[in-house]
PDB file of N, CA and C in Angstrom:
ATOM      1  N   UNK A   1      12.399  26.019 -12.787  1.00  0.00           N
ATOM      2  CA  UNK A   1      11.273  26.792 -13.279  1.00  0.00           C
ATOM      3  C   UNK A   1       9.983  25.974 -13.217  1.00  0.00           C
ATOM      4  N   UNK A   2      10.042  24.721 -13.579  1.00  0.00           N
ATOM      5  CA  UNK A   2       8.864  23.866 -13.530  1.00  0.00           C
ATOM      6  C   UNK A   2       8.404  23.661 -12.088  1.00  0.00           C
ATOM      7  N   UNK A   3       9.368  23.523 -11.174  1.00  0.00           N
ATOM      8  CA  UNK A   3       9.021  23.358  -9.761  1.00  0.00           C
ATOM      9  C   UNK A   3       8.329  24.609  -9.223  1.00  0.00           C
ATOM     10  N   UNK A   4       8.805  25.768  -9.628  1.00  0.00           N
ATOM     11  CA  UNK A   4       8.192  27.018  -9.194  1.00  0.00           C
ATOM     12  C   UNK A   4       6.760  27.127  -9.713  1.00  0.00           C
ATOM     13  N   UNK A   5       6.547  26.747 -10.950  1.00  0.00           N
ATOM     14  CA  UNK A   5       5.212  26.771 -11.542  1.00  0.00           C
ATOM     15  C   UNK A   5       4.272  25.814 -10.811  1.00  0.00           C
ATOM     16  N   UNK A   6       4.767  24.626 -10.501  1.00  0.00           N
ATOM     17  CA  UNK A   6       3.952  23.641  -9.779  1.00  0.00           C
ATOM     18  C   UNK A   6       3.609  24.148  -8.380  1.00  0.00           C
ATOM     19  N   UNK A   7       4.561  24.808  -7.743  1.00  0.00           N
ATOM     20  CA  UNK A   7       4.315  25.368  -6.414  1.00  0.00           C
ATOM     21  C   UNK A   7       3.225  26.427  -6.433  1.00  0.00           C
ATOM     22  N   UNK A   8       3.247  27.263  -7.453  1.00  0.00           N
ATOM     23  CA  UNK A   8       2.213  28.301  -7.585  1.00  0.00           C
ATOM     24  C   UNK A   8       0.842  27.684  -7.850  1.00  0.00           C
ATOM     25  N   UNK A   9       0.810  26.638  -8.653  1.00  0.00           N
ATOM     26  CA  UNK A   9      -0.455  25.947  -8.924  1.00  0.00           C
ATOM     27  C   UNK A   9      -0.994  25.283  -7.657  1.00  0.00           C
ATOM     28  N   UNK A  10      -0.102  24.674  -6.885  1.00  0.00           N
ATOM     29  CA  UNK A  10      -0.495  24.043  -5.621  1.00  0.00           C
ATOM     30  C   UNK A  10      -1.062  25.092  -4.671  1.00  0.00           C
ATOM     31  N   UNK A  11      -0.411  26.232  -4.586  1.00  0.00           N
ATOM     32  CA  UNK A  11      -0.888  27.312  -3.728  1.00  0.00           C
ATOM     33  C   UNK A  11      -2.270  27.795  -4.175  1.00  0.00           C
ATOM     34  N   UNK A  12      -2.491  27.886  -5.477  1.00  0.00           N
ATOM     35  CA  UNK A  12      -3.801  28.294  -5.995  1.00  0.00           C
ATOM     36  C   UNK A  12      -4.880  27.285  -5.605  1.00  0.00           C
ATOM     37  N   UNK A  13      -4.547  26.011  -5.659  1.00  0.00           N
ATOM     38  CA  UNK A  13      -5.503  24.964  -5.274  1.00  0.00           C
ATOM     39  C   UNK A  13      -5.816  25.027  -3.776  1.00  0.00           C
ATOM     40  N   UNK A  14      -4.816  25.329  -2.966  1.00  0.00           N
ATOM     41  CA  UNK A  14      -5.050  25.471  -1.526  1.00  0.00           C
ATOM     42  C   UNK A  14      -5.993  26.631  -1.237  1.00  0.00           C
ATOM     43  N   UNK A  15      -5.892  27.692  -2.012  1.00  0.00           N
ATOM     44  CA  UNK A  15      -6.787  28.840  -1.830  1.00  0.00           C
ATOM     45  C   UNK A  15      -8.229  28.465  -2.173  1.00  0.00           C
ATOM     46  N   UNK A  16      -8.407  27.589  -3.146  1.00  0.00           N
ATOM     47  CA  UNK A  16      -9.756  27.101  -3.465  1.00  0.00           C
ATOM     48  C   UNK A  16     -10.307  26.308  -2.283  1.00  0.00           C
ATOM     49  N   UNK A  17      -9.484  25.448  -1.695  1.00  0.00           N
ATOM     50  CA  UNK A  17      -9.920  24.694  -0.515  1.00  0.00           C
ATOM     51  C   UNK A  17     -10.227  25.629   0.642  1.00  0.00           C
ATOM     52  N   UNK A  18      -9.433  26.666   0.809  1.00  0.00           N
ATOM     53  CA  UNK A  18      -9.671  27.654   1.861  1.00  0.00           C
ATOM     54  C   UNK A  18     -11.080  28.223   1.732  1.00  0.00           C
ATOM     55  N   UNK A  19     -11.463  28.590   0.535  1.00  0.00           N
ATOM     56  CA  UNK A  19     -12.807  29.126   0.302  1.00  0.00           C
ATOM     57  C   UNK A  19     -13.874  28.071   0.544  1.00  0.00           C
ATOM     58  N   UNK A  20     -13.630  26.851   0.094  1.00  0.00           N
ATOM     59  CA  UNK A  20     -14.593  25.753   0.251  1.00  0.00           C
ATOM     60  C   UNK A  20     -14.868  25.467   1.727  1.00  0.00           C
ATOM     61  N   UNK A  21     -13.858  25.643   2.557  1.00  0.00           N
ATOM     62  CA  UNK A  21     -13.990  25.335   3.983  1.00  0.00           C
ATOM     63  C   UNK A  21     -14.613  26.468   4.792  1.00  0.00           C
ATOM     64  N   UNK A  22     -14.876  27.590   4.162  1.00  0.00           N
ATOM     65  CA  UNK A  22     -15.500  28.711   4.874  1.00  0.00           C
ATOM     66  C   UNK A  22     -16.828  28.263   5.482  1.00  0.00           C
ATOM     67  N   UNK A  23     -16.954  28.358   6.794  1.00  0.00           N
ATOM     68  CA  UNK A  23     -18.182  28.001   7.484  1.00  0.00           C
ATOM     69  C   UNK A  23     -18.417  26.510   7.619  1.00  0.00           C
ATOM     70  N   UNK A  24     -17.411  25.690   7.338  1.00  0.00           N
ATOM     71  CA  UNK A  24     -17.542  24.229   7.427  1.00  0.00           C
ATOM     72  C   UNK A  24     -16.439  23.664   8.316  1.00  0.00           C
ATOM     73  N   UNK A  25     -16.752  22.576   8.959  1.00  0.00           N
ATOM     74  CA  UNK A  25     -15.736  21.856   9.732  1.00  0.00           C
ATOM     75  C   UNK A  25     -14.926  20.943   8.818  1.00  0.00           C
ATOM     76  N   UNK A  26     -15.605  20.359   7.840  1.00  0.00           N
ATOM     77  CA  UNK A  26     -14.973  19.396   6.934  1.00  0.00           C
ATOM     78  C   UNK A  26     -15.398  19.703   5.504  1.00  0.00           C
ATOM     79  N   UNK A  27     -14.800  19.049   4.549  1.00  0.00           N
ATOM     80  CA  UNK A  27     -15.032  19.376   3.140  1.00  0.00           C
ATOM     81  C   UNK A  27     -16.480  19.212   2.696  1.00  0.00           C
ATOM     82  N   UNK A  28     -17.173  18.225   3.240  1.00  0.00           N
ATOM     83  CA  UNK A  28     -18.565  17.997   2.833  1.00  0.00           C
ATOM     84  C   UNK A  28     -19.578  18.487   3.856  1.00  0.00           C
ATOM     85  N   UNK A  29     -19.124  19.202   4.867  1.00  0.00           N
ATOM     86  CA  UNK A  29     -20.044  19.726   5.864  1.00  0.00           C
ATOM     87  C   UNK A  29     -19.521  19.588   7.271  1.00  0.00           C
ATOM     88  N   UNK A  30     -20.355  19.044   8.156  1.00  0.00           N
ATOM     89  CA  UNK A  30     -19.983  18.980   9.563  1.00  0.00           C
ATOM     90  C   UNK A  30     -19.483  17.614  10.023  1.00  0.00           C
ATOM     91  N   UNK A  31     -19.359  16.664   9.096  1.00  0.00           N
ATOM     92  CA  UNK A  31     -18.877  15.324   9.464  1.00  0.00           C
ATOM     93  C   UNK A  31     -17.612  14.976   8.689  1.00  0.00           C
ATOM     94  N   UNK A  32     -16.699  14.335   9.389  1.00  0.00           N
ATOM     95  CA  UNK A  32     -15.469  13.841   8.779  1.00  0.00           C
ATOM     96  C   UNK A  32     -15.821  12.660   7.882  1.00  0.00           C
ATOM     97  N   UNK A  33     -15.311  12.670   6.648  1.00  0.00           N
ATOM     98  CA  UNK A  33     -15.582  11.587   5.707  1.00  0.00           C
ATOM     99  C   UNK A  33     -14.272  11.127   5.071  1.00  0.00           C
ATOM    100  N   UNK A  34     -14.385  10.121   4.240  1.00  0.00           N
ATOM    101  CA  UNK A  34     -13.237   9.617   3.508  1.00  0.00           C
ATOM    102  C   UNK A  34     -12.632  10.711   2.612  1.00  0.00           C
ATOM    103  N   UNK A  35     -13.449  11.612   2.157  1.00  0.00           N
ATOM    104  CA  UNK A  35     -12.966  12.732   1.336  1.00  0.00           C
ATOM    105  C   UNK A  35     -11.949  13.555   2.139  1.00  0.00           C
ATOM    106  N   UNK A  36     -12.249  13.811   3.406  1.00  0.00           N
ATOM    107  CA  UNK A  36     -11.329  14.552   4.264  1.00  0.00           C
ATOM    108  C   UNK A  36     -10.064  13.745   4.522  1.00  0.00           C
ATOM    109  N   UNK A  37     -10.229  12.464   4.812  1.00  0.00           N
ATOM    110  CA  UNK A  37      -9.069  11.617   5.100  1.00  0.00           C
ATOM    111  C   UNK A  37      -8.099  11.591   3.932  1.00  0.00           C
ATOM    112  N   UNK A  38      -8.605  11.369   2.744  1.00  0.00           N
ATOM    113  CA  UNK A  38      -7.747  11.268   1.557  1.00  0.00           C
ATOM    114  C   UNK A  38      -7.079  12.605   1.239  1.00  0.00           C
ATOM    115  N   UNK A  39      -7.860  13.677   1.259  1.00  0.00           N
ATOM    116  CA  UNK A  39      -7.303  14.978   0.915  1.00  0.00           C
ATOM    117  C   UNK A  39      -6.345  15.502   1.974  1.00  0.00           C
ATOM    118  N   UNK A  40      -6.667  15.317   3.239  1.00  0.00           N
ATOM    119  CA  UNK A  40      -5.772  15.780   4.309  1.00  0.00           C
ATOM    120  C   UNK A  40      -4.440  15.046   4.247  1.00  0.00           C
ATOM    121  N   UNK A  41      -4.479  13.750   3.995  1.00  0.00           N
ATOM    122  CA  UNK A  41      -3.234  12.978   3.895  1.00  0.00           C
ATOM    123  C   UNK A  41      -2.385  13.468   2.730  1.00  0.00           C
ATOM    124  N   UNK A  42      -3.010  13.683   1.591  1.00  0.00           N
ATOM    125  CA  UNK A  42      -2.273  14.129   0.409  1.00  0.00           C
ATOM    126  C   UNK A  42      -1.717  15.538   0.603  1.00  0.00           C
ATOM    127  N   UNK A  43      -2.506  16.421   1.180  1.00  0.00           N
ATOM    128  CA  UNK A  43      -2.055  17.802   1.364  1.00  0.00           C
ATOM    129  C   UNK A  43      -0.962  17.884   2.421  1.00  0.00           C
ATOM    130  N   UNK A  44      -1.121  17.156   3.514  1.00  0.00           N
ATOM    131  CA  UNK A  44      -0.074  17.153   4.545  1.00  0.00           C
ATOM    132  C   UNK A  44       1.234  16.630   3.961  1.00  0.00           C
ATOM    133  N   UNK A  45       1.153  15.583   3.168  1.00  0.00           N
ATOM    134  CA  UNK A  45       2.346  15.029   2.533  1.00  0.00           C
ATOM    135  C   UNK A  45       2.976  16.060   1.594  1.00  0.00           C
ATOM    136  N   UNK A  46       2.155  16.676   0.754  1.00  0.00           N
ATOM    137  CA  UNK A  46       2.664  17.655  -0.201  1.00  0.00           C
ATOM    138  C   UNK A  46       3.297  18.856   0.501  1.00  0.00           C
ATOM    139  N   UNK A  47       2.678  19.309   1.590  1.00  0.00           N
ATOM    140  CA  UNK A  47       3.220  20.453   2.313  1.00  0.00           C
ATOM    141  C   UNK A  47       4.564  20.144   2.952  1.00  0.00           C
ATOM    142  N   UNK A  48       4.850  18.864   3.168  1.00  0.00           N
ATOM    143  CA  UNK A  48       6.156  18.520   3.726  1.00  0.00           C
ATOM    144  C   UNK A  48       7.255  18.662   2.670  1.00  0.00           C
ATOM    145  N   UNK A  49       6.886  18.724   1.397  1.00  0.00           N
ATOM    146  CA  UNK A  49       7.860  18.857   0.309  1.00  0.00           C
ATOM    147  C   UNK A  49       7.815  20.218  -0.372  1.00  0.00           C
ATOM    148  N   UNK A  50       6.620  20.768  -0.508  1.00  0.00           N
ATOM    149  CA  UNK A  50       6.446  22.035  -1.211  1.00  0.00           C
ATOM    150  C   UNK A  50       6.236  23.117  -0.160  1.00  0.00           C
ATOM    151  N   UNK A  51       7.133  24.042  -0.099  1.00  0.00           N
ATOM    152  CA  UNK A  51       7.058  25.113   0.899  1.00  0.00           C
ATOM    153  C   UNK A  51       6.087  26.187   0.427  1.00  0.00           C
ATOM    154  N   UNK A  52       4.956  26.239   1.118  1.00  0.00           N
ATOM    155  CA  UNK A  52       3.909  27.211   0.800  1.00  0.00           C
ATOM    156  C   UNK A  52       3.562  27.940   2.091  1.00  0.00           C
ATOM    157  N   UNK A  53       3.411  29.239   2.001  1.00  0.00           N
ATOM    158  CA  UNK A  53       3.008  30.026   3.164  1.00  0.00           C
ATOM    159  C   UNK A  53       1.511  29.831   3.379  1.00  0.00           C
ATOM    160  N   UNK A  54       1.155  29.102   4.421  1.00  0.00           N
ATOM    161  CA  UNK A  54      -0.260  28.837   4.711  1.00  0.00           C
ATOM    162  C   UNK A  54      -0.798  29.751   5.820  1.00  0.00           C
ATOM    163  N   UNK A  55      -0.028  30.755   6.217  1.00  0.00           N
ATOM    164  CA  UNK A  55      -0.452  31.619   7.326  1.00  0.00           C
ATOM    165  C   UNK A  55      -1.761  32.350   7.038  1.00  0.00           C
ATOM    166  N   UNK A  56      -2.065  32.625   5.783  1.00  0.00           N
ATOM    167  CA  UNK A  56      -3.312  33.299   5.441  1.00  0.00           C
ATOM    168  C   UNK A  56      -4.459  32.360   5.129  1.00  0.00           C
ATOM    169  N   UNK A  57      -4.247  31.078   5.344  1.00  0.00           N
ATOM    170  CA  UNK A  57      -5.257  30.060   5.024  1.00  0.00           C
ATOM    171  C   UNK A  57      -5.785  29.425   6.310  1.00  0.00           C
ATOM    172  N   UNK A  58      -6.448  30.214   7.124  1.00  0.00           N
ATOM    173  CA  UNK A  58      -6.862  29.750   8.451  1.00  0.00           C
ATOM    174  C   UNK A  58      -7.880  28.614   8.406  1.00  0.00           C
ATOM    175  N   UNK A  59      -8.815  28.646   7.462  1.00  0.00           N
ATOM    176  CA  UNK A  59      -9.789  27.553   7.355  1.00  0.00           C
ATOM    177  C   UNK A  59      -9.081  26.248   6.992  1.00  0.00           C
ATOM    178  N   UNK A  60      -8.170  26.338   6.044  1.00  0.00           N
ATOM    179  CA  UNK A  60      -7.439  25.160   5.591  1.00  0.00           C
ATOM    180  C   UNK A  60      -6.570  24.585   6.703  1.00  0.00           C
ATOM    181  N   UNK A  61      -5.829  25.442   7.394  1.00  0.00           N
ATOM    182  CA  UNK A  61      -4.932  24.933   8.434  1.00  0.00           C
ATOM    183  C   UNK A  61      -5.717  24.346   9.604  1.00  0.00           C
ATOM    184  N   UNK A  62      -6.860  24.938   9.949  1.00  0.00           N
ATOM    185  CA  UNK A  62      -7.689  24.376  11.030  1.00  0.00           C
ATOM    186  C   UNK A  62      -8.261  23.022  10.609  1.00  0.00           C
ATOM    187  N   UNK A  63      -8.740  22.920   9.370  1.00  0.00           N
ATOM    188  CA  UNK A  63      -9.269  21.648   8.864  1.00  0.00           C
ATOM    189  C   UNK A  63      -8.181  20.592   8.819  1.00  0.00           C
ATOM    190  N   UNK A  64      -7.021  20.951   8.331  1.00  0.00           N
ATOM    191  CA  UNK A  64      -5.911  20.002   8.244  1.00  0.00           C
ATOM    192  C   UNK A  64      -5.530  19.519   9.634  1.00  0.00           C
ATOM    193  N   UNK A  65      -5.493  20.411  10.591  1.00  0.00           N
ATOM    194  CA  UNK A  65      -5.190  20.032  11.975  1.00  0.00           C
ATOM    195  C   UNK A  65      -6.255  19.091  12.526  1.00  0.00           C
ATOM    196  N   UNK A  66      -7.533  19.444  12.341  1.00  0.00           N
ATOM    197  CA  UNK A  66      -8.628  18.580  12.824  1.00  0.00           C
ATOM    198  C   UNK A  66      -8.552  17.199  12.195  1.00  0.00           C
ATOM    199  N   UNK A  67      -8.298  17.177  10.912  1.00  0.00           N
ATOM    200  CA  UNK A  67      -8.295  15.912  10.174  1.00  0.00           C
ATOM    201  C   UNK A  67      -7.109  15.032  10.536  1.00  0.00           C
ATOM    202  N   UNK A  68      -5.941  15.619  10.684  1.00  0.00           N
ATOM    203  CA  UNK A  68      -4.751  14.812  10.956  1.00  0.00           C
ATOM    204  C   UNK A  68      -4.601  14.441  12.421  1.00  0.00           C
ATOM    205  N   UNK A  69      -5.304  15.111  13.312  1.00  0.00           N
ATOM    206  CA  UNK A  69      -5.227  14.780  14.744  1.00  0.00           C
ATOM    207  C   UNK A  69      -6.244  13.722  15.174  1.00  0.00           C
ATOM    208  N   UNK A  70      -7.062  13.277  14.273  1.00  0.00           N
ATOM    209  CA  UNK A  70      -8.052  12.259  14.622  1.00  0.00           C
ATOM    210  C   UNK A  70      -7.331  10.994  15.079  1.00  0.00           C
ATOM    211  N   UNK A  71      -7.864  10.313  16.086  1.00  0.00           N
ATOM    212  CA  UNK A  71      -7.194   9.115  16.611  1.00  0.00           C
ATOM    213  C   UNK A  71      -6.879   8.062  15.556  1.00  0.00           C
ATOM    214  N   UNK A  72      -7.776   7.828  14.622  1.00  0.00           N
ATOM    215  CA  UNK A  72      -7.521   6.812  13.590  1.00  0.00           C
ATOM    216  C   UNK A  72      -6.343   7.230  12.708  1.00  0.00           C
ATOM    217  N   UNK A  73      -6.253   8.505  12.411  1.00  0.00           N
ATOM    218  CA  UNK A  73      -5.128   8.985  11.604  1.00  0.00           C
ATOM    219  C   UNK A  73      -3.821   8.836  12.372  1.00  0.00           C
ATOM    220  N   UNK A  74      -3.849   9.169  13.643  1.00  0.00           N
ATOM    221  CA  UNK A  74      -2.656   9.034  14.476  1.00  0.00           C
ATOM    222  C   UNK A  74      -2.206   7.568  14.539  1.00  0.00           C
ATOM    223  N   UNK A  75      -3.162   6.678  14.710  1.00  0.00           N
ATOM    224  CA  UNK A  75      -2.842   5.238  14.764  1.00  0.00           C
ATOM    225  C   UNK A  75      -2.273   4.737  13.442  1.00  0.00           C
ATOM    226  N   UNK A  76      -2.840   5.219  12.350  1.00  0.00           N
ATOM    227  CA  UNK A  76      -2.381   4.788  11.031  1.00  0.00           C
ATOM    228  C   UNK A  76      -0.950   5.224  10.746  1.00  0.00           C
ATOM    229  N   UNK A  77      -0.547   6.324  11.344  1.00  0.00           N
ATOM    230  CA  UNK A  77       0.796   6.858  11.102  1.00  0.00           C
ATOM    231  C   UNK A  77       1.750   6.561  12.257  1.00  0.00           C
ATOM    232  N   UNK A  78       1.342   5.697  13.159  1.00  0.00           N
ATOM    233  CA  UNK A  78       2.220   5.262  14.233  1.00  0.00           C
ATOM    234  C   UNK A  78       2.529   6.328  15.270  1.00  0.00           C
ATOM    235  N   UNK A  79       1.653   7.306  15.400  1.00  0.00           N
ATOM    236  CA  UNK A  79       1.899   8.380  16.390  1.00  0.00           C
ATOM    237  C   UNK A  79       1.376   8.001  17.743  1.00  0.00           C
TER     238      UNK A  79
END
């Protein structure tokens, strides 16, 4: 029950990020910053454990893809 509650809260937070990313490439605007690096890493990690349907979160999934595909991120994770 606690896990289900946490999953719903996580999903609610992702929806807030979805709205924040409307019309933006990155969280603070049009440039990738440390804010994007930290949040993308944490969210990607969490999504690997918490199963959330992100199909309706197009801004979030595009941002997460942009952020995690950056060469520095790939190098940091040994890809």
